[in-house]
PDB file of all heavy atoms in Angstrom:
ATOM      1  N   HIS A   1       0.819  -1.231   0.022  1.00  0.00           N
ATOM      2  CA  HIS A   1       0.009   0.022  -0.029  1.00  0.00           C
ATOM      3  C   HIS A   1       0.829   1.266   0.016  1.00  0.00           C
ATOM      4  O   HIS A   1       0.475   2.273   0.557  1.00  0.00           O
ATOM      5  CB  HIS A   1      -0.955  -0.026   1.194  1.00  0.00           C
ATOM      6  CG  HIS A   1      -2.062  -1.038   1.028  1.00  0.00           C
ATOM      7  ND1 HIS A   1      -1.848  -2.363   1.239  1.00  0.00           N
ATOM      8  CD2 HIS A   1      -3.385  -0.907   0.688  1.00  0.00           C
ATOM      9  CE1 HIS A   1      -2.981  -3.007   0.998  1.00  0.00           C
ATOM     10  NE2 HIS A   1      -3.927  -2.177   0.649  1.00  0.00           N
ATOM     11  N   GLY A   2       2.035   1.170  -0.635  1.00  0.00           N
ATOM     12  CA  GLY A   2       2.804   2.356  -0.933  1.00  0.00           C
ATOM     13  C   GLY A   2       3.887   2.750   0.065  1.00  0.00           C
ATOM     14  O   GLY A   2       4.561   3.731  -0.141  1.00  0.00           O
ATOM     15  N   TYR A   3       4.088   1.993   1.133  1.00  0.00           N
ATOM     16  CA  TYR A   3       5.090   2.338   2.144  1.00  0.00           C
ATOM     17  C   TYR A   3       6.515   1.894   1.621  1.00  0.00           C
ATOM     18  O   TYR A   3       6.630   0.963   0.861  1.00  0.00           O
ATOM     19  CB  TYR A   3       4.863   1.581   3.429  1.00  0.00           C
ATOM     20  CG  TYR A   3       3.829   2.196   4.321  1.00  0.00           C
ATOM     21  CD1 TYR A   3       2.473   2.239   3.925  1.00  0.00           C
ATOM     22  CD2 TYR A   3       4.128   2.744   5.591  1.00  0.00           C
ATOM     23  CE1 TYR A   3       1.519   2.761   4.768  1.00  0.00           C
ATOM     24  CE2 TYR A   3       3.205   3.267   6.428  1.00  0.00           C
ATOM     25  CZ  TYR A   3       1.866   3.273   6.006  1.00  0.00           C
ATOM     26  OH  TYR A   3       0.910   3.840   6.840  1.00  0.00           O
ATOM     27  N   ARG A   4       7.538   2.595   2.102  1.00  0.00           N
ATOM     28  CA  ARG A   4       8.901   2.172   1.949  1.00  0.00           C
ATOM     29  C   ARG A   4       9.376   1.680   3.320  1.00  0.00           C
ATOM     30  O   ARG A   4       9.389   2.450   4.276  1.00  0.00           O
ATOM     31  CB  ARG A   4       9.781   3.302   1.420  1.00  0.00           C
ATOM     32  CG  ARG A   4      11.287   2.980   1.426  1.00  0.00           C
ATOM     33  CD  ARG A   4      12.094   4.118   0.774  1.00  0.00           C
ATOM     34  NE  ARG A   4      13.494   3.945   0.993  1.00  0.00           N
ATOM     35  CZ  ARG A   4      14.310   3.097   0.357  1.00  0.00           C
ATOM     36  NH1 ARG A   4      13.796   2.265  -0.529  1.00  0.00           N
ATOM     37  NH2 ARG A   4      15.573   3.041   0.621  1.00  0.00           N
ATOM     38  N   ASN A   5       9.717   0.415   3.417  1.00  0.00           N
ATOM     39  CA  ASN A   5      10.103  -0.196   4.658  1.00  0.00           C
ATOM     40  C   ASN A   5      11.589  -0.558   4.657  1.00  0.00           C
ATOM     41  O   ASN A   5      12.115  -1.016   3.655  1.00  0.00           O
ATOM     42  CB  ASN A   5       9.295  -1.462   4.934  1.00  0.00           C
ATOM     43  CG  ASN A   5       7.831  -1.212   5.125  1.00  0.00           C
ATOM     44  OD1 ASN A   5       7.403  -0.721   6.179  1.00  0.00           O
ATOM     45  ND2 ASN A   5       7.037  -1.441   4.093  1.00  0.00           N
ATOM     46  N   ARG A   6      12.246  -0.340   5.786  1.00  0.00           N
ATOM     47  CA  ARG A   6      13.623  -0.770   5.983  1.00  0.00           C
ATOM     48  C   ARG A   6      13.656  -1.641   7.255  1.00  0.00           C
ATOM     49  O   ARG A   6      12.949  -1.366   8.220  1.00  0.00           O
ATOM     50  CB  ARG A   6      14.579   0.401   6.167  1.00  0.00           C
ATOM     51  CG  ARG A   6      14.570   1.492   5.125  1.00  0.00           C
ATOM     52  CD  ARG A   6      15.666   2.506   5.415  1.00  0.00           C
ATOM     53  NE  ARG A   6      15.533   3.673   4.559  1.00  0.00           N
ATOM     54  CZ  ARG A   6      15.190   4.871   4.985  1.00  0.00           C
ATOM     55  NH1 ARG A   6      14.958   5.051   6.316  1.00  0.00           N
ATOM     56  NH2 ARG A   6      15.140   5.900   4.199  1.00  0.00           N
ATOM     57  N   VAL A   7      14.471  -2.691   7.254  1.00  0.00           N
ATOM     58  CA  VAL A   7      14.625  -3.526   8.419  1.00  0.00           C
ATOM     59  C   VAL A   7      16.040  -3.370   8.943  1.00  0.00           C
ATOM     60  O   VAL A   7      17.043  -3.452   8.175  1.00  0.00           O
ATOM     61  CB  VAL A   7      14.354  -5.005   8.077  1.00  0.00           C
ATOM     62  CG1 VAL A   7      14.772  -5.927   9.192  1.00  0.00           C
ATOM     63  CG2 VAL A   7      12.882  -5.180   7.757  1.00  0.00           C
ATOM     64  N   TYR A   8      16.162  -3.180  10.257  1.00  0.00           N
ATOM     65  CA  TYR A   8      17.475  -3.039  10.907  1.00  0.00           C
ATOM     66  C   TYR A   8      17.540  -4.155  11.972  1.00  0.00           C
ATOM     67  O   TYR A   8      16.686  -4.258  12.871  1.00  0.00           O
ATOM     68  CB  TYR A   8      17.627  -1.682  11.586  1.00  0.00           C
ATOM     69  CG  TYR A   8      17.818  -0.556  10.591  1.00  0.00           C
ATOM     70  CD1 TYR A   8      16.690   0.110  10.076  1.00  0.00           C
ATOM     71  CD2 TYR A   8      19.066  -0.162  10.153  1.00  0.00           C
ATOM     72  CE1 TYR A   8      16.835   1.149   9.189  1.00  0.00           C
ATOM     73  CE2 TYR A   8      19.256   0.900   9.255  1.00  0.00           C
ATOM     74  CZ  TYR A   8      18.101   1.512   8.785  1.00  0.00           C
ATOM     75  OH  TYR A   8      18.276   2.535   7.850  1.00  0.00           O
ATOM     76  N   PHE A   9      18.632  -4.952  11.945  1.00  0.00           N
ATOM     77  CA  PHE A   9      18.856  -5.924  12.948  1.00  0.00           C
ATOM     78  C   PHE A   9      19.530  -5.370  14.200  1.00  0.00           C
ATOM     79  O   PHE A   9      20.529  -4.646  14.090  1.00  0.00           O
ATOM     80  CB  PHE A   9      19.756  -7.083  12.432  1.00  0.00           C
ATOM     81  CG  PHE A   9      19.128  -7.966  11.434  1.00  0.00           C
ATOM     82  CD1 PHE A   9      19.898  -8.706  10.522  1.00  0.00           C
ATOM     83  CD2 PHE A   9      17.725  -8.153  11.370  1.00  0.00           C
ATOM     84  CE1 PHE A   9      19.334  -9.601   9.628  1.00  0.00           C
ATOM     85  CE2 PHE A   9      17.167  -9.028  10.467  1.00  0.00           C
ATOM     86  CZ  PHE A   9      17.952  -9.734   9.588  1.00  0.00           C
ATOM     87  N   TYR A  10      18.961  -5.728  15.378  1.00  0.00           N
ATOM     88  CA  TYR A  10      19.616  -5.465  16.611  1.00  0.00           C
ATOM     89  C   TYR A  10      20.293  -6.798  17.019  1.00  0.00           C
ATOM     90  O   TYR A  10      19.653  -7.681  17.571  1.00  0.00           O
ATOM     91  CB  TYR A  10      18.654  -5.000  17.698  1.00  0.00           C
ATOM     92  CG  TYR A  10      19.272  -4.670  19.034  1.00  0.00           C
ATOM     93  CD1 TYR A  10      20.310  -3.774  19.127  1.00  0.00           C
ATOM     94  CD2 TYR A  10      18.775  -5.189  20.205  1.00  0.00           C
ATOM     95  CE1 TYR A  10      20.897  -3.427  20.358  1.00  0.00           C
ATOM     96  CE2 TYR A  10      19.319  -4.865  21.429  1.00  0.00           C
ATOM     97  CZ  TYR A  10      20.374  -3.993  21.480  1.00  0.00           C
ATOM     98  OH  TYR A  10      20.965  -3.664  22.720  1.00  0.00           O
ATOM     99  N   ASN A  11      21.580  -6.937  16.705  1.00  0.00           N
ATOM    100  CA  ASN A  11      22.275  -8.214  16.680  1.00  0.00           C
ATOM    101  C   ASN A  11      23.197  -8.372  17.870  1.00  0.00           C
ATOM    102  O   ASN A  11      24.404  -8.328  17.727  1.00  0.00           O
ATOM    103  CB  ASN A  11      23.061  -8.320  15.384  1.00  0.00           C
ATOM    104  CG  ASN A  11      23.493  -9.753  15.069  1.00  0.00           C
ATOM    105  OD1 ASN A  11      23.378 -10.623  15.927  1.00  0.00           O
ATOM    106  ND2 ASN A  11      24.025  -9.955  13.874  1.00  0.00           N
ATOM    107  N   VAL A  12      22.626  -8.541  19.057  1.00  0.00           N
ATOM    108  CA  VAL A  12      23.386  -8.625  20.304  1.00  0.00           C
ATOM    109  C   VAL A  12      24.326  -9.828  20.276  1.00  0.00           C
ATOM    110  O   VAL A  12      25.451  -9.745  20.782  1.00  0.00           O
ATOM    111  CB  VAL A  12      22.427  -8.700  21.526  1.00  0.00           C
ATOM    112  CG1 VAL A  12      23.217  -8.920  22.818  1.00  0.00           C
ATOM    113  CG2 VAL A  12      21.605  -7.409  21.631  1.00  0.00           C
ATOM    114  N   GLN A  13      23.871 -10.930  19.706  1.00  0.00           N
ATOM    115  CA  GLN A  13      24.653 -12.162  19.677  1.00  0.00           C
ATOM    116  C   GLN A  13      25.745 -12.155  18.654  1.00  0.00           C
ATOM    117  O   GLN A  13      26.565 -13.123  18.552  1.00  0.00           O
ATOM    118  CB  GLN A  13      23.768 -13.409  19.488  1.00  0.00           C
ATOM    119  CG  GLN A  13      22.585 -13.470  20.454  1.00  0.00           C
ATOM    120  CD  GLN A  13      23.032 -13.787  21.866  1.00  0.00           C
ATOM    121  OE1 GLN A  13      24.129 -14.223  22.085  1.00  0.00           O
ATOM    122  NE2 GLN A  13      22.109 -13.541  22.847  1.00  0.00           N
ATOM    123  N   ARG A  14      25.828 -11.130  17.812  1.00  0.00           N
ATOM    124  CA  ARG A  14      26.815 -11.003  16.761  1.00  0.00           C
ATOM    125  C   ARG A  14      26.716 -12.158  15.741  1.00  0.00           C
ATOM    126  O   ARG A  14      27.721 -12.678  15.250  1.00  0.00           O
ATOM    127  CB  ARG A  14      28.230 -10.948  17.289  1.00  0.00           C
ATOM    128  CG  ARG A  14      28.492  -9.918  18.379  1.00  0.00           C
ATOM    129  CD  ARG A  14      28.353  -8.498  17.876  1.00  0.00           C
ATOM    130  NE  ARG A  14      28.652  -7.503  18.873  1.00  0.00           N
ATOM    131  CZ  ARG A  14      28.477  -6.223  18.734  1.00  0.00           C
ATOM    132  NH1 ARG A  14      27.975  -5.750  17.600  1.00  0.00           N
ATOM    133  NH2 ARG A  14      28.775  -5.358  19.702  1.00  0.00           N
ATOM    134  N   GLY A  15      25.486 -12.552  15.467  1.00  0.00           N
ATOM    135  CA  GLY A  15      25.295 -13.584  14.435  1.00  0.00           C
ATOM    136  C   GLY A  15      25.604 -13.108  13.052  1.00  0.00           C
ATOM    137  O   GLY A  15      25.727 -11.890  12.849  1.00  0.00           O
ATOM    138  N   ASP A  16      25.785 -14.021  12.126  1.00  0.00           N
ATOM    139  CA  ASP A  16      26.117 -13.635  10.778  1.00  0.00           C
ATOM    140  C   ASP A  16      24.993 -12.935  10.090  1.00  0.00           C
ATOM    141  O   ASP A  16      23.900 -13.455   9.922  1.00  0.00           O
ATOM    142  CB  ASP A  16      26.488 -14.908   9.966  1.00  0.00           C
ATOM    143  CG  ASP A  16      26.860 -14.627   8.552  1.00  0.00           C
ATOM    144  OD1 ASP A  16      27.897 -13.939   8.354  1.00  0.00           O
ATOM    145  OD2 ASP A  16      26.126 -15.013   7.628  1.00  0.00           O
ATOM    146  N   HIS A  17      25.237 -11.648   9.710  1.00  0.00           N
ATOM    147  CA  HIS A  17      24.159 -10.835   9.122  1.00  0.00           C
ATOM    148  C   HIS A  17      23.574 -11.428   7.897  1.00  0.00           C
ATOM    149  O   HIS A  17      22.345 -11.507   7.698  1.00  0.00           O
ATOM    150  CB  HIS A  17      24.745  -9.414   8.864  1.00  0.00           C
ATOM    151  CG  HIS A  17      23.688  -8.449   8.334  1.00  0.00           C
ATOM    152  ND1 HIS A  17      22.942  -7.632   9.107  1.00  0.00           N
ATOM    153  CD2 HIS A  17      23.283  -8.214   7.059  1.00  0.00           C
ATOM    154  CE1 HIS A  17      22.115  -6.928   8.363  1.00  0.00           C
ATOM    155  NE2 HIS A  17      22.302  -7.261   7.113  1.00  0.00           N
ATOM    156  N   ALA A  18      24.445 -11.895   6.981  1.00  0.00           N
ATOM    157  CA  ALA A  18      23.999 -12.424   5.677  1.00  0.00           C
ATOM    158  C   ALA A  18      23.086 -13.643   5.892  1.00  0.00           C
ATOM    159  O   ALA A  18      22.143 -13.821   5.179  1.00  0.00           O
ATOM    160  CB  ALA A  18      25.164 -12.743   4.779  1.00  0.00           C
ATOM    161  N   TYR A  19      23.438 -14.436   6.868  1.00  0.00           N
ATOM    162  CA  TYR A  19      22.685 -15.641   7.151  1.00  0.00           C
ATOM    163  C   TYR A  19      21.220 -15.284   7.558  1.00  0.00           C
ATOM    164  O   TYR A  19      20.266 -15.835   7.023  1.00  0.00           O
ATOM    165  CB  TYR A  19      23.369 -16.423   8.290  1.00  0.00           C
ATOM    166  CG  TYR A  19      22.635 -17.643   8.779  1.00  0.00           C
ATOM    167  CD1 TYR A  19      22.566 -18.821   8.049  1.00  0.00           C
ATOM    168  CD2 TYR A  19      21.963 -17.586  10.045  1.00  0.00           C
ATOM    169  CE1 TYR A  19      21.900 -19.918   8.535  1.00  0.00           C
ATOM    170  CE2 TYR A  19      21.276 -18.716  10.505  1.00  0.00           C
ATOM    171  CZ  TYR A  19      21.260 -19.867   9.789  1.00  0.00           C
ATOM    172  OH  TYR A  19      20.597 -20.961  10.262  1.00  0.00           O
ATOM    173  N   TYR A  20      21.100 -14.335   8.507  1.00  0.00           N
ATOM    174  CA  TYR A  20      19.750 -13.949   8.925  1.00  0.00           C
ATOM    175  C   TYR A  20      19.013 -13.125   7.918  1.00  0.00           C
ATOM    176  O   TYR A  20      17.779 -13.220   7.784  1.00  0.00           O
ATOM    177  CB  TYR A  20      19.823 -13.230  10.301  1.00  0.00           C
ATOM    178  CG  TYR A  20      20.203 -14.183  11.393  1.00  0.00           C
ATOM    179  CD1 TYR A  20      21.471 -14.170  11.938  1.00  0.00           C
ATOM    180  CD2 TYR A  20      19.284 -15.106  11.877  1.00  0.00           C
ATOM    181  CE1 TYR A  20      21.786 -15.052  12.990  1.00  0.00           C
ATOM    182  CE2 TYR A  20      19.593 -15.977  12.918  1.00  0.00           C
ATOM    183  CZ  TYR A  20      20.874 -15.960  13.451  1.00  0.00           C
ATOM    184  OH  TYR A  20      21.193 -16.840  14.405  1.00  0.00           O
ATOM    185  N   GLU A  21      19.702 -12.359   7.120  1.00  0.00           N
ATOM    186  CA  GLU A  21      19.124 -11.579   6.044  1.00  0.00           C
ATOM    187  C   GLU A  21      18.473 -12.555   5.061  1.00  0.00           C
ATOM    188  O   GLU A  21      17.394 -12.273   4.489  1.00  0.00           O
ATOM    189  CB  GLU A  21      20.096 -10.700   5.340  1.00  0.00           C
ATOM    190  CG  GLU A  21      19.484  -9.860   4.244  1.00  0.00           C
ATOM    191  CD  GLU A  21      20.533  -8.953   3.547  1.00  0.00           C
ATOM    192  OE1 GLU A  21      21.646  -8.826   4.088  1.00  0.00           O
ATOM    193  OE2 GLU A  21      20.174  -8.396   2.503  1.00  0.00           O
ATOM    194  N   SER A  22      19.135 -13.698   4.823  1.00  0.00           N
ATOM    195  CA  SER A  22      18.583 -14.666   3.840  1.00  0.00           C
ATOM    196  C   SER A  22      17.208 -15.180   4.289  1.00  0.00           C
ATOM    197  O   SER A  22      16.326 -15.384   3.429  1.00  0.00           O
ATOM    198  CB  SER A  22      19.573 -15.830   3.670  1.00  0.00           C
ATOM    199  OG  SER A  22      19.615 -16.656   4.837  1.00  0.00           O
ATOM    200  N   PHE A  23      17.009 -15.304   5.574  1.00  0.00           N
ATOM    201  CA  PHE A  23      15.657 -15.768   6.078  1.00  0.00           C
ATOM    202  C   PHE A  23      14.637 -14.668   5.905  1.00  0.00           C
ATOM    203  O   PHE A  23      13.472 -14.923   5.587  1.00  0.00           O
ATOM    204  CB  PHE A  23      15.769 -16.206   7.557  1.00  0.00           C
ATOM    205  CG  PHE A  23      16.509 -17.483   7.771  1.00  0.00           C
ATOM    206  CD1 PHE A  23      17.571 -17.525   8.579  1.00  0.00           C
ATOM    207  CD2 PHE A  23      16.162 -18.620   7.097  1.00  0.00           C
ATOM    208  CE1 PHE A  23      18.308 -18.683   8.803  1.00  0.00           C
ATOM    209  CE2 PHE A  23      16.814 -19.820   7.323  1.00  0.00           C
ATOM    210  CZ  PHE A  23      17.920 -19.843   8.142  1.00  0.00           C
ATOM    211  N   VAL A  24      15.029 -13.426   6.157  1.00  0.00           N
ATOM    212  CA  VAL A  24      14.117 -12.292   5.985  1.00  0.00           C
ATOM    213  C   VAL A  24      13.608 -12.285   4.543  1.00  0.00           C
ATOM    214  O   VAL A  24      12.452 -11.980   4.283  1.00  0.00           O
ATOM    215  CB  VAL A  24      14.841 -10.953   6.314  1.00  0.00           C
ATOM    216  CG1 VAL A  24      14.021  -9.779   5.818  1.00  0.00           C
ATOM    217  CG2 VAL A  24      15.020 -10.850   7.825  1.00  0.00           C
ATOM    218  N   ARG A  25      14.459 -12.599   3.596  1.00  0.00           N
ATOM    219  CA  ARG A  25      14.069 -12.568   2.212  1.00  0.00           C
ATOM    220  C   ARG A  25      13.346 -13.835   1.751  1.00  0.00           C
ATOM    221  O   ARG A  25      12.289 -13.773   1.130  1.00  0.00           O
ATOM    222  CB  ARG A  25      15.322 -12.331   1.324  1.00  0.00           C
ATOM    223  CG  ARG A  25      16.074 -11.080   1.760  1.00  0.00           C
ATOM    224  CD  ARG A  25      16.814 -10.441   0.578  1.00  0.00           C
ATOM    225  NE  ARG A  25      17.613  -9.271   1.020  1.00  0.00           N
ATOM    226  CZ  ARG A  25      17.092  -8.085   1.253  1.00  0.00           C
ATOM    227  NH1 ARG A  25      15.778  -7.907   1.096  1.00  0.00           N
ATOM    228  NH2 ARG A  25      17.860  -7.066   1.616  1.00  0.00           N
TER     229      ARG A  25
END
């Protein structure tokens, strides 16, 4: 419905960003 959304990880455990981004997608 026309929004522009951005997602930001709060990654306290320092997990692999690319790994979790793949699930988001």
